[in-house]
């Protein structure tokens, strides 16, 4: 059987890689850092979704800022481990 070969060719890697992620200025502000610290402290060192302990925790907005969530309201935050944080982000983007 005869093969046709590569009809698609190859693209330069620079055309395939997405642009680097740029952090919003909000996340570097002292107000956000204080909010995140309060959310994680309230959680007592465990992920509020899966209950994992001993892992790095991320303060996550329950209602994301893009969806109108309050920036510095501790009630709009929960502490999540890395896995739960990524999963929640995927679900929120898919819902949008």
Protein backbone atom coordinates (compact mmCIF):
# COMPACT_ATOMS: atom_id res chain seq x y z
CA UNK A 1 0.00 0.00 0.00
CA UNK A 2 1.33 3.39 -0.94
CA UNK A 3 1.34 6.20 1.64
CA UNK A 4 0.47 9.75 0.85
CA UNK A 5 2.95 11.36 3.24
CA UNK A 6 2.56 14.32 5.51
CA UNK A 7 0.17 16.78 3.89
CA UNK A 8 -0.21 18.99 6.94
CA UNK A 9 3.43 19.90 7.36
CA UNK A 10 4.78 21.20 10.62
CA UNK A 11 4.22 24.50 12.32
CA UNK A 12 6.82 26.52 14.14
CA UNK A 13 6.57 25.86 17.91
CA UNK A 14 6.14 29.58 18.57
CA UNK A 15 2.84 29.49 16.67
CA UNK A 16 1.52 26.62 18.78
CA UNK A 17 2.37 27.77 22.29
CA UNK A 18 -0.18 29.98 24.01
CA UNK A 19 0.86 33.39 25.27
CA UNK A 20 2.10 33.47 28.85
CA UNK A 21 -0.50 33.87 31.57
CA UNK A 22 -0.62 37.39 32.96
CA UNK A 23 -1.64 37.83 36.59
CA UNK A 24 -4.27 40.47 37.31
CA UNK A 25 -2.93 43.31 39.50
CA UNK A 26 -5.69 42.57 42.01
CA UNK A 27 -3.91 39.43 43.23
CA UNK A 28 -0.75 41.31 44.24
CA UNK A 29 -2.52 43.91 46.38
CA UNK A 30 -2.22 43.84 50.18
CA UNK A 31 -6.02 43.66 50.50
CA UNK A 32 -6.13 40.44 48.50
CA UNK A 33 -3.25 38.92 50.45
CA UNK A 34 -5.01 39.71 53.74
CA UNK A 35 -8.25 38.22 52.38
CA UNK A 36 -6.47 35.04 51.26
CA UNK A 37 -4.73 34.66 54.61
CA UNK A 38 -8.06 35.01 56.46
CA UNK A 39 -9.78 32.46 54.18
CA UNK A 40 -7.01 29.88 54.64
CA UNK A 41 -6.82 30.47 58.40
CA UNK A 42 -10.58 29.98 58.72
CA UNK A 43 -10.24 26.60 56.91
CA UNK A 44 -7.90 25.30 59.60
CA UNK A 45 -5.30 23.96 57.18
CA UNK A 46 -7.50 21.63 55.17
CA UNK A 47 -9.10 21.76 51.74
CA UNK A 48 -12.75 22.70 52.06
CA UNK A 49 -13.74 20.48 49.11
CA UNK A 50 -11.90 17.18 49.59
CA UNK A 51 -10.62 17.56 53.17
CA UNK A 52 -6.94 17.04 52.25
CA UNK A 53 -4.44 18.23 54.84
CA UNK A 54 -0.73 18.95 54.62
CA UNK A 55 -0.98 20.42 51.12
CA UNK A 56 -0.54 23.95 49.85
CA UNK A 57 -3.87 25.74 49.98
CA UNK A 58 -5.22 28.41 47.65
CA UNK A 59 -7.83 30.97 48.66
CA UNK A 60 -10.49 30.72 45.98
CA UNK A 61 -13.44 32.99 45.29
CA UNK A 62 -16.63 30.93 45.47
CA UNK A 63 -18.30 33.28 42.99
CA UNK A 64 -15.45 34.24 40.68
CA UNK A 65 -14.63 37.91 40.18
CA UNK A 66 -15.45 37.59 36.47
CA UNK A 67 -18.91 36.43 37.48
CA UNK A 68 -19.52 39.33 39.89
CA UNK A 69 -18.14 37.87 43.13
CA UNK A 70 -17.06 40.15 45.99
CA UNK A 71 -13.27 40.68 46.01
CA UNK A 72 -12.59 40.88 49.73
CA UNK A 73 -15.61 39.26 51.38
CA UNK A 74 -14.31 36.30 53.43
CA UNK A 75 -17.70 34.63 52.98
CA UNK A 76 -16.99 34.53 49.22
CA UNK A 77 -13.83 32.50 49.75
CA UNK A 78 -12.80 28.96 50.54
CA UNK A 79 -9.47 27.21 50.87
CA UNK A 80 -8.76 24.62 48.19
CA UNK A 81 -5.85 22.27 47.52
CA UNK A 82 -4.22 22.53 44.09
CA UNK A 83 -6.27 19.73 42.54
CA UNK A 84 -9.60 21.09 43.72
CA UNK A 85 -8.61 24.64 42.74
CA UNK A 86 -7.81 23.63 39.16
CA UNK A 87 -10.96 21.51 38.85
CA UNK A 88 -13.14 24.34 40.14
CA UNK A 89 -11.58 26.73 37.64
CA UNK A 90 -12.29 24.37 34.74
CA UNK A 91 -15.91 23.95 35.83
CA UNK A 92 -16.42 27.71 36.21
CA UNK A 93 -14.97 28.43 32.76
CA UNK A 94 -17.09 25.69 31.19
CA UNK A 95 -20.22 27.09 32.83
CA UNK A 96 -19.48 30.56 31.41
